[in-house]
Amino acid sequence: MHRDQLRPITPGVLPEVITRYLKAHRTHDTATAVTAFTGDATVIDDGNTYKSTAAIEEWLGRSATEFTYTIHVTDAWQADATHYIATQHLEGDFPGGAIDLRYQFTVRDGLIDRLVIEP
């Protein structure tokens, strides 16, 4: 997704499935978060790739317990009907203590098919 294709949107107009995932992720609700993904979804985070809901559920469970942090959406963009970005600000006890991460979503059939998380 090229940045020049993006148009800013308010976080409140992100698709329901993305909002559901972000809220569940923020509250460490792994069971709800995983329901936002297609069965063959892919997540790329911190140089690792997780493919399938089973792998994503394991990743979510581990990330929910590895560090203590707060998280909130600061910006959102839309490229087209299936591609969205939400920037989230995290603060916590992880190395560095604070970071802004871009969550790049691809939606298919009303669910998240691909999520790439990067600074």
C-alpha atoms as a PDB file:
ATOM      1  CA  MET A   1       0.000   0.000   0.000  1.00  0.00           C
ATOM      2  CA  HIS A   2       1.564   3.270  -1.097  1.00  0.00           C
ATOM      3  CA  ARG A   3       1.119   6.245   1.167  1.00  0.00           C
ATOM      4  CA  ASP A   4       0.000   8.456  -1.763  1.00  0.00           C
ATOM      5  CA  GLN A   5      -3.030   6.165  -2.238  1.00  0.00           C
ATOM      6  CA  LEU A   6      -4.234   6.746   1.312  1.00  0.00           C
ATOM      7  CA  ARG A   7      -6.848   9.189   2.473  1.00  0.00           C
ATOM      8  CA  PRO A   8      -7.196  10.080   6.153  1.00  0.00           C
ATOM      9  CA  ILE A   9     -10.357   8.913   7.914  1.00  0.00           C
ATOM     10  CA  THR A  10     -11.528   9.130  11.492  1.00  0.00           C
ATOM     11  CA  PRO A  11     -10.913   5.914  13.439  1.00  0.00           C
ATOM     12  CA  GLY A  12     -14.656   5.680  14.027  1.00  0.00           C
ATOM     13  CA  VAL A  13     -15.314   4.878  10.365  1.00  0.00           C
ATOM     14  CA  LEU A  14     -12.961   1.896  10.214  1.00  0.00           C
ATOM     15  CA  PRO A  15     -14.855  -1.289   9.286  1.00  0.00           C
ATOM     16  CA  GLU A  16     -16.556  -3.028  12.222  1.00  0.00           C
ATOM     17  CA  VAL A  17     -14.247  -6.048  11.973  1.00  0.00           C
ATOM     18  CA  ILE A  18     -11.154  -3.851  12.373  1.00  0.00           C
ATOM     19  CA  THR A  19     -12.718  -1.949  15.264  1.00  0.00           C
ATOM     20  CA  ARG A  20     -13.665  -5.263  16.915  1.00  0.00           C
ATOM     21  CA  TYR A  21     -10.108  -6.582  16.532  1.00  0.00           C
ATOM     22  CA  LEU A  22      -8.511  -3.356  17.822  1.00  0.00           C
ATOM     23  CA  LYS A  23     -10.797  -3.246  20.881  1.00  0.00           C
ATOM     24  CA  ALA A  24     -10.199  -6.934  21.667  1.00  0.00           C
ATOM     25  CA  HIS A  25      -6.445  -6.509  21.188  1.00  0.00           C
ATOM     26  CA  ARG A  26      -6.439  -3.467  23.498  1.00  0.00           C
ATOM     27  CA  THR A  27      -8.265  -5.417  26.236  1.00  0.00           C
ATOM     28  CA  HIS A  28      -6.238  -8.617  25.664  1.00  0.00           C
ATOM     29  CA  ASP A  29      -9.396 -10.518  24.654  1.00  0.00           C
ATOM     30  CA  THR A  30      -7.738 -13.132  22.446  1.00  0.00           C
ATOM     31  CA  ALA A  31     -10.927 -15.165  21.928  1.00  0.00           C
ATOM     32  CA  THR A  32     -12.755 -12.181  20.422  1.00  0.00           C
ATOM     33  CA  ALA A  33      -9.738 -10.876  18.501  1.00  0.00           C
ATOM     34  CA  VAL A  34      -9.219 -14.142  16.640  1.00  0.00           C
ATOM     35  CA  THR A  35     -12.848 -14.130  15.416  1.00  0.00           C
ATOM     36  CA  ALA A  36     -11.992 -11.071  13.311  1.00  0.00           C
ATOM     37  CA  PHE A  37      -9.710 -13.114  11.009  1.00  0.00           C
ATOM     38  CA  THR A  38     -10.404 -15.359   8.022  1.00  0.00           C
ATOM     39  CA  GLY A  39      -9.443 -19.007   8.510  1.00  0.00           C
ATOM     40  CA  ASP A  40      -6.404 -18.610   6.248  1.00  0.00           C
ATOM     41  CA  ALA A  41      -5.398 -15.122   7.410  1.00  0.00           C
ATOM     42  CA  THR A  42      -1.798 -13.976   7.677  1.00  0.00           C
ATOM     43  CA  VAL A  43      -0.284 -11.691  10.323  1.00  0.00           C
ATOM     44  CA  ILE A  44       3.210 -10.283   9.995  1.00  0.00           C
ATOM     45  CA  ASP A  45       4.622  -8.763  13.182  1.00  0.00           C
ATOM     46  CA  ASP A  46       8.179  -8.091  14.326  1.00  0.00           C
ATOM     47  CA  GLY A  47       9.641 -10.028  11.381  1.00  0.00           C
ATOM     48  CA  ASN A  48       7.527 -13.129  12.055  1.00  0.00           C
ATOM     49  CA  THR A  49       4.683 -14.514   9.929  1.00  0.00           C
ATOM     50  CA  TYR A  50       1.651 -16.235  11.448  1.00  0.00           C
ATOM     51  CA  LYS A  51      -0.623 -18.045   9.017  1.00  0.00           C
ATOM     52  CA  SER A  52      -4.015 -19.520  10.063  1.00  0.00           C
ATOM     53  CA  THR A  53      -6.250 -18.680  12.991  1.00  0.00           C
ATOM     54  CA  ALA A  54      -4.472 -21.226  15.195  1.00  0.00           C
ATOM     55  CA  ALA A  55      -1.102 -19.499  14.673  1.00  0.00           C
ATOM     56  CA  ILE A  56      -2.700 -16.062  15.073  1.00  0.00           C
ATOM     57  CA  GLU A  57      -4.414 -17.127  18.293  1.00  0.00           C
ATOM     58  CA  GLU A  58      -1.078 -18.329  19.694  1.00  0.00           C
ATOM     59  CA  TRP A  59       0.606 -15.040  18.679  1.00  0.00           C
ATOM     60  CA  LEU A  60      -2.212 -12.980  20.250  1.00  0.00           C
ATOM     61  CA  GLY A  61      -2.068 -14.994  23.474  1.00  0.00           C
ATOM     62  CA  ARG A  62       1.688 -14.578  23.737  1.00  0.00           C
ATOM     63  CA  SER A  63       1.645 -10.856  22.929  1.00  0.00           C
ATOM     64  CA  ALA A  64      -1.109 -10.266  25.518  1.00  0.00           C
ATOM     65  CA  THR A  65       1.038 -11.691  28.317  1.00  0.00           C
ATOM     66  CA  GLU A  66       4.603 -10.854  27.267  1.00  0.00           C
ATOM     67  CA  PHE A  67       4.452  -7.178  28.285  1.00  0.00           C
ATOM     68  CA  THR A  68       2.115  -4.810  30.088  1.00  0.00           C
ATOM     69  CA  TYR A  69       1.105  -1.841  27.964  1.00  0.00           C
ATOM     70  CA  THR A  70      -1.592   0.649  27.065  1.00  0.00           C
ATOM     71  CA  ILE A  71      -2.683   1.121  23.481  1.00  0.00           C
ATOM     72  CA  HIS A  72      -4.835   3.595  21.595  1.00  0.00           C
ATOM     73  CA  VAL A  73      -5.546   4.499  17.969  1.00  0.00           C
ATOM     74  CA  THR A  74      -4.075   7.853  16.952  1.00  0.00           C
ATOM     75  CA  ASP A  75      -4.779   7.942  13.183  1.00  0.00           C
ATOM     76  CA  ALA A  76      -6.531   5.987  10.447  1.00  0.00           C
ATOM     77  CA  TRP A  77      -6.333   5.880   6.655  1.00  0.00           C
ATOM     78  CA  GLN A  78      -8.162   4.127   3.853  1.00  0.00           C
ATOM     79  CA  ALA A  79      -6.709   3.160   0.463  1.00  0.00           C
ATOM     80  CA  ASP A  80      -9.828   1.471  -0.947  1.00  0.00           C
ATOM     81  CA  ALA A  81     -12.738  -0.727   0.191  1.00  0.00           C
ATOM     82  CA  THR A  82     -10.409  -3.479   1.432  1.00  0.00           C
ATOM     83  CA  HIS A  83      -7.220  -1.729   2.627  1.00  0.00           C
ATOM     84  CA  TYR A  84      -6.950   0.295   5.827  1.00  0.00           C
ATOM     85  CA  ILE A  85      -4.237   1.482   8.196  1.00  0.00           C
ATOM     86  CA  ALA A  86      -4.640   2.301  11.879  1.00  0.00           C
ATOM     87  CA  THR A  87      -1.740   3.837  13.767  1.00  0.00           C
ATOM     88  CA  GLN A  88      -1.651   2.836  17.410  1.00  0.00           C
ATOM     89  CA  HIS A  89       0.426   4.339  20.184  1.00  0.00           C
ATOM     90  CA  LEU A  90       1.709   1.802  22.720  1.00  0.00           C
ATOM     91  CA  GLU A  91       3.302   2.596  26.087  1.00  0.00           C
ATOM     92  CA  GLY A  92       4.499  -0.038  28.499  1.00  0.00           C
ATOM     93  CA  ASP A  93       7.264  -2.132  29.985  1.00  0.00           C
ATOM     94  CA  PHE A  94       8.658  -3.370  26.640  1.00  0.00           C
ATOM     95  CA  PRO A  95      12.102  -2.238  25.387  1.00  0.00           C
ATOM     96  CA  GLY A  96      11.925   1.472  24.521  1.00  0.00           C
ATOM     97  CA  GLY A  97       8.741   2.010  26.544  1.00  0.00           C
ATOM     98  CA  ALA A  98       6.730   3.696  23.775  1.00  0.00           C
ATOM     99  CA  ILE A  99       6.160   3.191  20.059  1.00  0.00           C
ATOM    100  CA  ASP A 100       3.765   4.094  17.281  1.00  0.00           C
ATOM    101  CA  LEU A 101       2.868   1.098  15.120  1.00  0.00           C
ATOM    102  CA  ARG A 102       1.071   0.989  11.779  1.00  0.00           C
ATOM    103  CA  TYR A 103      -1.495  -1.805  11.571  1.00  0.00           C
ATOM    104  CA  GLN A 104      -2.069  -2.408   7.852  1.00  0.00           C
ATOM    105  CA  PHE A 105      -5.278  -4.359   7.257  1.00  0.00           C
ATOM    106  CA  THR A 106      -6.633  -6.171   4.223  1.00  0.00           C
ATOM    107  CA  VAL A 107     -10.287  -7.142   4.581  1.00  0.00           C
ATOM    108  CA  ARG A 108     -11.922 -10.000   2.658  1.00  0.00           C
ATOM    109  CA  ASP A 109     -15.524 -11.168   2.990  1.00  0.00           C
ATOM    110  CA  GLY A 110     -16.062  -9.019   6.081  1.00  0.00           C
ATOM    111  CA  LEU A 111     -13.023 -10.400   7.965  1.00  0.00           C
ATOM    112  CA  ILE A 112      -9.344  -9.504   8.277  1.00  0.00           C
ATOM    113  CA  ASP A 113      -7.389 -11.501   5.720  1.00  0.00           C
ATOM    114  CA  ARG A 114      -3.978  -9.897   6.255  1.00  0.00           C
ATOM    115  CA  LEU A 115      -2.455  -7.731   8.963  1.00  0.00           C
ATOM    116  CA  VAL A 116       1.039  -6.253   8.780  1.00  0.00           C
ATOM    117  CA  ILE A 117       2.311  -4.467  11.889  1.00  0.00           C
ATOM    118  CA  GLU A 118       5.352  -2.219  11.597  1.00  0.00           C
ATOM    119  CA  PRO A 119       6.802   1.017  12.971  1.00  0.00           C
END
